[in-house]
Amino acid sequence: MIEDLTNSYMPSAEAARILGVHPVAVAQLARKGKIRAVKIANRWLIPRAFVEEFAKTYIPRRGRPRQKRRYTRRQT
């Protein structure tokens, strides 16, 4: 039973290595529902087949997009 679980699912750290992101980012994707995952004992487990398919199209992006700084004119 446990061997079937380890063969068909992988932890978020391993999925993060395959996707090229931080494990926290994988947890966020799971929470948002963008990747299929099961939470067991406070850990996210992701199906291996799903990660392999998802990695083909996923493009990791770093952080927030930059916003142009708005300068205000000083009054004299």
PDB file of N, CA and C in Angstrom:
ATOM      1  N   MET A   1       0.820  -1.195   0.000  1.00  0.00           N
ATOM      2  CA  MET A   1       0.000   0.000   0.000  1.00  0.00           C
ATOM      3  C   MET A   1       0.865   1.262   0.000  1.00  0.00           C
ATOM      4  N   ILE A   2       1.871   1.312   0.877  1.00  0.00           N
ATOM      5  CA  ILE A   2       2.730   2.490   0.944  1.00  0.00           C
ATOM      6  C   ILE A   2       3.585   2.598  -0.315  1.00  0.00           C
ATOM      7  N   GLU A   3       4.015   1.470  -0.871  1.00  0.00           N
ATOM      8  CA  GLU A   3       4.804   1.511  -2.105  1.00  0.00           C
ATOM      9  C   GLU A   3       3.984   2.081  -3.250  1.00  0.00           C
ATOM     10  N   ASP A   4       2.700   1.755  -3.310  1.00  0.00           N
ATOM     11  CA  ASP A   4       1.847   2.314  -4.348  1.00  0.00           C
ATOM     12  C   ASP A   4       1.743   3.824  -4.206  1.00  0.00           C
ATOM     13  N   LEU A   5       1.663   4.291  -2.974  1.00  0.00           N
ATOM     14  CA  LEU A   5       1.552   5.726  -2.718  1.00  0.00           C
ATOM     15  C   LEU A   5       2.833   6.449  -3.124  1.00  0.00           C
ATOM     16  N   THR A   6       3.993   5.887  -2.798  1.00  0.00           N
ATOM     17  CA  THR A   6       5.252   6.546  -3.150  1.00  0.00           C
ATOM     18  C   THR A   6       5.539   6.456  -4.641  1.00  0.00           C
ATOM     19  N   ASN A   7       5.031   5.446  -5.314  1.00  0.00           N
ATOM     20  CA  ASN A   7       5.240   5.341  -6.761  1.00  0.00           C
ATOM     21  C   ASN A   7       4.326   6.270  -7.543  1.00  0.00           C
ATOM     22  N   SER A   8       3.148   6.530  -7.031  1.00  0.00           N
ATOM     23  CA  SER A   8       2.198   7.339  -7.785  1.00  0.00           C
ATOM     24  C   SER A   8       2.172   8.801  -7.360  1.00  0.00           C
ATOM     25  N   TYR A   9       2.677   9.144  -6.172  1.00  0.00           N
ATOM     26  CA  TYR A   9       2.688  10.522  -5.685  1.00  0.00           C
ATOM     27  C   TYR A   9       4.094  10.938  -5.312  1.00  0.00           C
ATOM     28  N   MET A  10       4.353  12.243  -5.378  1.00  0.00           N
ATOM     29  CA  MET A  10       5.642  12.777  -4.945  1.00  0.00           C
ATOM     30  C   MET A  10       5.405  13.961  -4.015  1.00  0.00           C
ATOM     31  N   PRO A  11       6.326  14.204  -3.085  1.00  0.00           N
ATOM     32  CA  PRO A  11       6.185  15.354  -2.187  1.00  0.00           C
ATOM     33  C   PRO A  11       6.413  16.662  -2.925  1.00  0.00           C
ATOM     34  N   SER A  12       6.010  17.747  -2.298  1.00  0.00           N
ATOM     35  CA  SER A  12       6.120  19.048  -2.950  1.00  0.00           C
ATOM     36  C   SER A  12       7.570  19.447  -3.205  1.00  0.00           C
ATOM     37  N   ALA A  13       8.504  19.007  -2.372  1.00  0.00           N
ATOM     38  CA  ALA A  13       9.916  19.355  -2.586  1.00  0.00           C
ATOM     39  C   ALA A  13      10.444  18.746  -3.886  1.00  0.00           C
ATOM     40  N   GLU A  14      10.077  17.523  -4.153  1.00  0.00           N
ATOM     41  CA  GLU A  14      10.511  16.873  -5.395  1.00  0.00           C
ATOM     42  C   GLU A  14       9.837  17.502  -6.606  1.00  0.00           C
ATOM     43  N   ALA A  15       8.556  17.838  -6.469  1.00  0.00           N
ATOM     44  CA  ALA A  15       7.835  18.503  -7.559  1.00  0.00           C
ATOM     45  C   ALA A  15       8.444  19.882  -7.827  1.00  0.00           C
ATOM     46  N   ALA A  16       8.863  20.565  -6.765  1.00  0.00           N
ATOM     47  CA  ALA A  16       9.484  21.877  -6.926  1.00  0.00           C
ATOM     48  C   ALA A  16      10.800  21.770  -7.679  1.00  0.00           C
ATOM     49  N   ARG A  17      11.569  20.734  -7.407  1.00  0.00           N
ATOM     50  CA  ARG A  17      12.830  20.529  -8.112  1.00  0.00           C
ATOM     51  C   ARG A  17      12.583  20.309  -9.608  1.00  0.00           C
ATOM     52  N   ILE A  18      11.557  19.550  -9.931  1.00  0.00           N
ATOM     53  CA  ILE A  18      11.241  19.277 -11.339  1.00  0.00           C
ATOM     54  C   ILE A  18      10.740  20.540 -12.042  1.00  0.00           C
ATOM     55  N   LEU A  19       9.915  21.332 -11.342  1.00  0.00           N
ATOM     56  CA  LEU A  19       9.351  22.540 -11.931  1.00  0.00           C
ATOM     57  C   LEU A  19      10.312  23.727 -11.901  1.00  0.00           C
ATOM     58  N   GLY A  20      11.348  23.647 -11.069  1.00  0.00           N
ATOM     59  CA  GLY A  20      12.311  24.732 -10.981  1.00  0.00           C
ATOM     60  C   GLY A  20      11.847  25.893 -10.126  1.00  0.00           C
ATOM     61  N   VAL A  21      11.054  25.598  -9.101  1.00  0.00           N
ATOM     62  CA  VAL A  21      10.558  26.639  -8.194  1.00  0.00           C
ATOM     63  C   VAL A  21      10.804  26.208  -6.746  1.00  0.00           C
ATOM     64  N   HIS A  22      10.464  27.074  -5.820  1.00  0.00           N
ATOM     65  CA  HIS A  22      10.596  26.796  -4.389  1.00  0.00           C
ATOM     66  C   HIS A  22       9.429  25.911  -3.947  1.00  0.00           C
ATOM     67  N   PRO A  23       9.621  25.047  -2.947  1.00  0.00           N
ATOM     68  CA  PRO A  23       8.515  24.207  -2.468  1.00  0.00           C
ATOM     69  C   PRO A  23       7.299  25.003  -1.986  1.00  0.00           C
ATOM     70  N   VAL A  24       7.524  26.199  -1.480  1.00  0.00           N
ATOM     71  CA  VAL A  24       6.399  27.045  -1.054  1.00  0.00           C
ATOM     72  C   VAL A  24       5.556  27.440  -2.262  1.00  0.00           C
ATOM     73  N   ALA A  25       6.189  27.656  -3.400  1.00  0.00           N
ATOM     74  CA  ALA A  25       5.447  28.001  -4.614  1.00  0.00           C
ATOM     75  C   ALA A  25       4.565  26.837  -5.058  1.00  0.00           C
ATOM     76  N   VAL A  26       5.046  25.618  -4.875  1.00  0.00           N
ATOM     77  CA  VAL A  26       4.237  24.444  -5.218  1.00  0.00           C
ATOM     78  C   VAL A  26       3.027  24.372  -4.291  1.00  0.00           C
ATOM     79  N   ALA A  27       3.225  24.654  -3.014  1.00  0.00           N
ATOM     80  CA  ALA A  27       2.103  24.655  -2.063  1.00  0.00           C
ATOM     81  C   ALA A  27       1.082  25.730  -2.432  1.00  0.00           C
ATOM     82  N   GLN A  28       1.555  26.890  -2.873  1.00  0.00           N
ATOM     83  CA  GLN A  28       0.640  27.949  -3.292  1.00  0.00           C
ATOM     84  C   GLN A  28      -0.146  27.540  -4.528  1.00  0.00           C
ATOM     85  N   LEU A  29       0.514  26.899  -5.480  1.00  0.00           N
ATOM     86  CA  LEU A  29      -0.190  26.423  -6.673  1.00  0.00           C
ATOM     87  C   LEU A  29      -1.247  25.384  -6.297  1.00  0.00           C
ATOM     88  N   ALA A  30      -0.930  24.540  -5.324  1.00  0.00           N
ATOM     89  CA  ALA A  30      -1.894  23.523  -4.883  1.00  0.00           C
ATOM     90  C   ALA A  30      -3.073  24.176  -4.187  1.00  0.00           C
ATOM     91  N   ARG A  31      -2.797  25.171  -3.334  1.00  0.00           N
ATOM     92  CA  ARG A  31      -3.876  25.860  -2.629  1.00  0.00           C
ATOM     93  C   ARG A  31      -4.807  26.583  -3.590  1.00  0.00           C
ATOM     94  N   LYS A  32      -4.238  27.174  -4.631  1.00  0.00           N
ATOM     95  CA  LYS A  32      -5.035  27.903  -5.620  1.00  0.00           C
ATOM     96  C   LYS A  32      -5.784  26.977  -6.565  1.00  0.00           C
ATOM     97  N   GLY A  33      -5.410  25.685  -6.571  1.00  0.00           N
ATOM     98  CA  GLY A  33      -6.080  24.730  -7.431  1.00  0.00           C
ATOM     99  C   GLY A  33      -5.493  24.650  -8.831  1.00  0.00           C
ATOM    100  N   LYS A  34      -4.314  25.218  -9.026  1.00  0.00           N
ATOM    101  CA  LYS A  34      -3.695  25.177 -10.350  1.00  0.00           C
ATOM    102  C   LYS A  34      -3.018  23.847 -10.613  1.00  0.00           C
ATOM    103  N   ILE A  35      -2.642  23.127  -9.564  1.00  0.00           N
ATOM    104  CA  ILE A  35      -2.134  21.769  -9.720  1.00  0.00           C
ATOM    105  C   ILE A  35      -2.948  20.852  -8.831  1.00  0.00           C
ATOM    106  N   ARG A  36      -3.111  19.616  -9.280  1.00  0.00           N
ATOM    107  CA  ARG A  36      -3.832  18.634  -8.483  1.00  0.00           C
ATOM    108  C   ARG A  36      -2.920  18.159  -7.373  1.00  0.00           C
ATOM    109  N   ALA A  37      -3.394  18.199  -6.157  1.00  0.00           N
ATOM    110  CA  ALA A  37      -2.589  17.761  -5.024  1.00  0.00           C
ATOM    111  C   ALA A  37      -3.511  17.314  -3.893  1.00  0.00           C
ATOM    112  N   VAL A  38      -2.948  16.467  -3.037  1.00  0.00           N
ATOM    113  CA  VAL A  38      -3.660  15.970  -1.874  1.00  0.00           C
ATOM    114  C   VAL A  38      -2.835  16.354  -0.657  1.00  0.00           C
ATOM    115  N   LYS A  39      -3.499  16.876   0.356  1.00  0.00           N
ATOM    116  CA  LYS A  39      -2.785  17.242   1.572  1.00  0.00           C
ATOM    117  C   LYS A  39      -2.976  16.134   2.596  1.00  0.00           C
ATOM    118  N   ILE A  40      -1.866  15.487   2.957  1.00  0.00           N
ATOM    119  CA  ILE A  40      -1.890  14.404   3.941  1.00  0.00           C
ATOM    120  C   ILE A  40      -0.852  14.727   5.004  1.00  0.00           C
ATOM    121  N   ALA A  41      -1.284  14.733   6.253  1.00  0.00           N
ATOM    122  CA  ALA A  41      -0.395  14.983   7.394  1.00  0.00           C
ATOM    123  C   ALA A  41       0.392  16.277   7.207  1.00  0.00           C
ATOM    124  N   ASN A  42      -0.286  17.322   6.807  1.00  0.00           N
ATOM    125  CA  ASN A  42       0.296  18.655   6.645  1.00  0.00           C
ATOM    126  C   ASN A  42       1.372  18.716   5.553  1.00  0.00           C
ATOM    127  N   ARG A  43       1.308  17.814   4.580  1.00  0.00           N
ATOM    128  CA  ARG A  43       2.227  17.812   3.434  1.00  0.00           C
ATOM    129  C   ARG A  43       1.420  17.674   2.154  1.00  0.00           C
ATOM    130  N   TRP A  44       1.884  18.339   1.122  1.00  0.00           N
ATOM    131  CA  TRP A  44       1.223  18.235  -0.173  1.00  0.00           C
ATOM    132  C   TRP A  44       1.850  17.087  -0.958  1.00  0.00           C
ATOM    133  N   LEU A  45       1.003  16.210  -1.480  1.00  0.00           N
ATOM    134  CA  LEU A  45       1.445  15.127  -2.356  1.00  0.00           C
ATOM    135  C   LEU A  45       0.814  15.345  -3.724  1.00  0.00           C
ATOM    136  N   ILE A  46       1.652  15.303  -4.741  1.00  0.00           N
ATOM    137  CA  ILE A  46       1.209  15.589  -6.101  1.00  0.00           C
ATOM    138  C   ILE A  46       1.403  14.342  -6.945  1.00  0.00           C
ATOM    139  N   PRO A  47       0.425  13.987  -7.787  1.00  0.00           N
ATOM    140  CA  PRO A  47       0.584  12.813  -8.656  1.00  0.00           C
ATOM    141  C   PRO A  47       1.773  12.977  -9.604  1.00  0.00           C
ATOM    142  N   ARG A  48       2.598  11.943  -9.713  1.00  0.00           N
ATOM    143  CA  ARG A  48       3.799  11.989 -10.554  1.00  0.00           C
ATOM    144  C   ARG A  48       3.459  12.265 -12.017  1.00  0.00           C
ATOM    145  N   ALA A  49       2.455  11.591 -12.517  1.00  0.00           N
ATOM    146  CA  ALA A  49       2.083  11.770 -13.920  1.00  0.00           C
ATOM    147  C   ALA A  49       1.643  13.205 -14.189  1.00  0.00           C
ATOM    148  N   PHE A  50       0.933  13.806 -13.235  1.00  0.00           N
ATOM    149  CA  PHE A  50       0.474  15.180 -13.410  1.00  0.00           C
ATOM    150  C   PHE A  50       1.648  16.151 -13.447  1.00  0.00           C
ATOM    151  N   VAL A  51       2.635  15.954 -12.568  1.00  0.00           N
ATOM    152  CA  VAL A  51       3.798  16.848 -12.530  1.00  0.00           C
ATOM    153  C   VAL A  51       4.576  16.767 -13.829  1.00  0.00           C
ATOM    154  N   GLU A  52       4.735  15.565 -14.365  1.00  0.00           N
ATOM    155  CA  GLU A  52       5.471  15.409 -15.612  1.00  0.00           C
ATOM    156  C   GLU A  52       4.774  16.124 -16.766  1.00  0.00           C
ATOM    157  N   GLU A  53       3.450  16.067 -16.811  1.00  0.00           N
ATOM    158  CA  GLU A  53       2.708  16.763 -17.862  1.00  0.00           C
ATOM    159  C   GLU A  53       2.699  18.271 -17.623  1.00  0.00           C
ATOM    160  N   PHE A  54       2.540  18.670 -16.368  1.00  0.00           N
ATOM    161  CA  PHE A  54       2.476  20.090 -16.012  1.00  0.00           C
ATOM    162  C   PHE A  54       3.818  20.775 -16.278  1.00  0.00           C
ATOM    163  N   ALA A  55       4.930  20.068 -16.071  1.00  0.00           N
ATOM    164  CA  ALA A  55       6.265  20.640 -16.254  1.00  0.00           C
ATOM    165  C   ALA A  55       6.538  20.990 -17.714  1.00  0.00           C
ATOM    166  N   LYS A  56       5.863  20.345 -18.639  1.00  0.00           N
ATOM    167  CA  LYS A  56       6.075  20.622 -20.062  1.00  0.00           C
ATOM    168  C   LYS A  56       5.582  22.011 -20.449  1.00  0.00           C
ATOM    169  N   THR A  57       4.556  22.512 -19.761  1.00  0.00           N
ATOM    170  CA  THR A  57       3.965  23.792 -20.136  1.00  0.00           C
ATOM    171  C   THR A  57       4.174  24.892 -19.103  1.00  0.00           C
ATOM    172  N   TYR A  58       4.679  24.567 -17.919  1.00  0.00           N
ATOM    173  CA  TYR A  58       4.803  25.551 -16.848  1.00  0.00           C
ATOM    174  C   TYR A  58       6.042  26.411 -17.041  1.00  0.00           C
ATOM    175  N   ILE A  59       5.865  27.720 -16.934  1.00  0.00           N
ATOM    176  CA  ILE A  59       6.969  28.670 -17.008  1.00  0.00           C
ATOM    177  C   ILE A  59       7.028  29.393 -15.669  1.00  0.00           C
ATOM    178  N   PRO A  60       8.070  29.126 -14.861  1.00  0.00           N
ATOM    179  CA  PRO A  60       8.142  29.790 -13.546  1.00  0.00           C
ATOM    180  C   PRO A  60       8.449  31.271 -13.697  1.00  0.00           C
ATOM    181  N   ARG A  61       7.808  32.066 -12.882  1.00  0.00           N
ATOM    182  CA  ARG A  61       8.047  33.509 -12.863  1.00  0.00           C
ATOM    183  C   ARG A  61       8.446  33.899 -11.455  1.00  0.00           C
ATOM    184  N   ARG A  62       9.368  34.809 -11.348  1.00  0.00           N
ATOM    185  CA  ARG A  62       9.885  35.190 -10.044  1.00  0.00           C
ATOM    186  C   ARG A  62       9.178  36.421  -9.518  1.00  0.00           C
ATOM    187  N   GLY A  63       8.635  36.322  -8.321  1.00  0.00           N
ATOM    188  CA  GLY A  63       8.122  37.470  -7.591  1.00  0.00           C
ATOM    189  C   GLY A  63       6.986  38.213  -8.252  1.00  0.00           C
ATOM    190  N   ARG A  64       6.745  39.387  -7.738  1.00  0.00           N
ATOM    191  CA  ARG A  64       5.708  40.256  -8.268  1.00  0.00           C
ATOM    192  C   ARG A  64       6.215  41.007  -9.485  1.00  0.00           C
ATOM    193  N   PRO A  65       5.312  41.359 -10.390  1.00  0.00           N
ATOM    194  CA  PRO A  65       5.750  42.204 -11.495  1.00  0.00           C
ATOM    195  C   PRO A  65       6.099  43.603 -10.969  1.00  0.00           C
ATOM    196  N   ARG A  66       7.121  44.193 -11.531  1.00  0.00           N
ATOM    197  CA  ARG A  66       7.526  45.521 -11.071  1.00  0.00           C
ATOM    198  C   ARG A  66       6.525  46.557 -11.508  1.00  0.00           C
ATOM    199  N   GLN A  67       6.278  47.492 -10.632  1.00  0.00           N
ATOM    200  CA  GLN A  67       5.407  48.605 -10.961  1.00  0.00           C
ATOM    201  C   GLN A  67       6.264  49.847 -11.112  1.00  0.00           C
ATOM    202  N   LYS A  68       5.899  50.643 -12.069  1.00  0.00           N
ATOM    203  CA  LYS A  68       6.647  51.863 -12.284  1.00  0.00           C
ATOM    204  C   LYS A  68       6.430  52.793 -11.095  1.00  0.00           C
ATOM    205  N   ARG A  69       7.524  53.355 -10.611  1.00  0.00           N
ATOM    206  CA  ARG A  69       7.432  54.252  -9.469  1.00  0.00           C
ATOM    207  C   ARG A  69       6.802  55.564  -9.909  1.00  0.00           C
ATOM    208  N   ARG A  70       5.884  56.031  -9.119  1.00  0.00           N
ATOM    209  CA  ARG A  70       5.207  57.287  -9.439  1.00  0.00           C
ATOM    210  C   ARG A  70       5.844  58.403  -8.631  1.00  0.00           C
ATOM    211  N   TYR A  71       6.388  59.352  -9.342  1.00  0.00           N
ATOM    212  CA  TYR A  71       6.986  60.499  -8.680  1.00  0.00           C
ATOM    213  C   TYR A  71       5.982  61.629  -8.650  1.00  0.00           C
ATOM    214  N   THR A  72       5.978  62.309  -7.550  1.00  0.00           N
ATOM    215  CA  THR A  72       5.096  63.470  -7.441  1.00  0.00           C
ATOM    216  C   THR A  72       5.943  64.727  -7.481  1.00  0.00           C
ATOM    217  N   ARG A  73       5.407  65.742  -8.031  1.00  0.00           N
ATOM    218  CA  ARG A  73       6.133  67.009  -8.095  1.00  0.00           C
ATOM    219  C   ARG A  73       6.063  67.701  -6.753  1.00  0.00           C
ATOM    220  N   ARG A  74       7.178  68.226  -6.338  1.00  0.00           N
ATOM    221  CA  ARG A  74       7.198  68.974  -5.087  1.00  0.00           C
ATOM    222  C   ARG A  74       6.721  70.388  -5.346  1.00  0.00           C
ATOM    223  N   GLN A  75       5.998  70.880  -4.386  1.00  0.00           N
ATOM    224  CA  GLN A  75       5.529  72.253  -4.513  1.00  0.00           C
ATOM    225  C   GLN A  75       6.567  73.198  -3.909  1.00  0.00           C
ATOM    226  N   THR A  76       6.761  74.304  -4.565  1.00  0.00           N
ATOM    227  CA  THR A  76       7.759  75.259  -4.073  1.00  0.00           C
ATOM    228  C   THR A  76       7.126  76.364  -3.294  1.00  0.00           C
TER     229      THR A  76
END
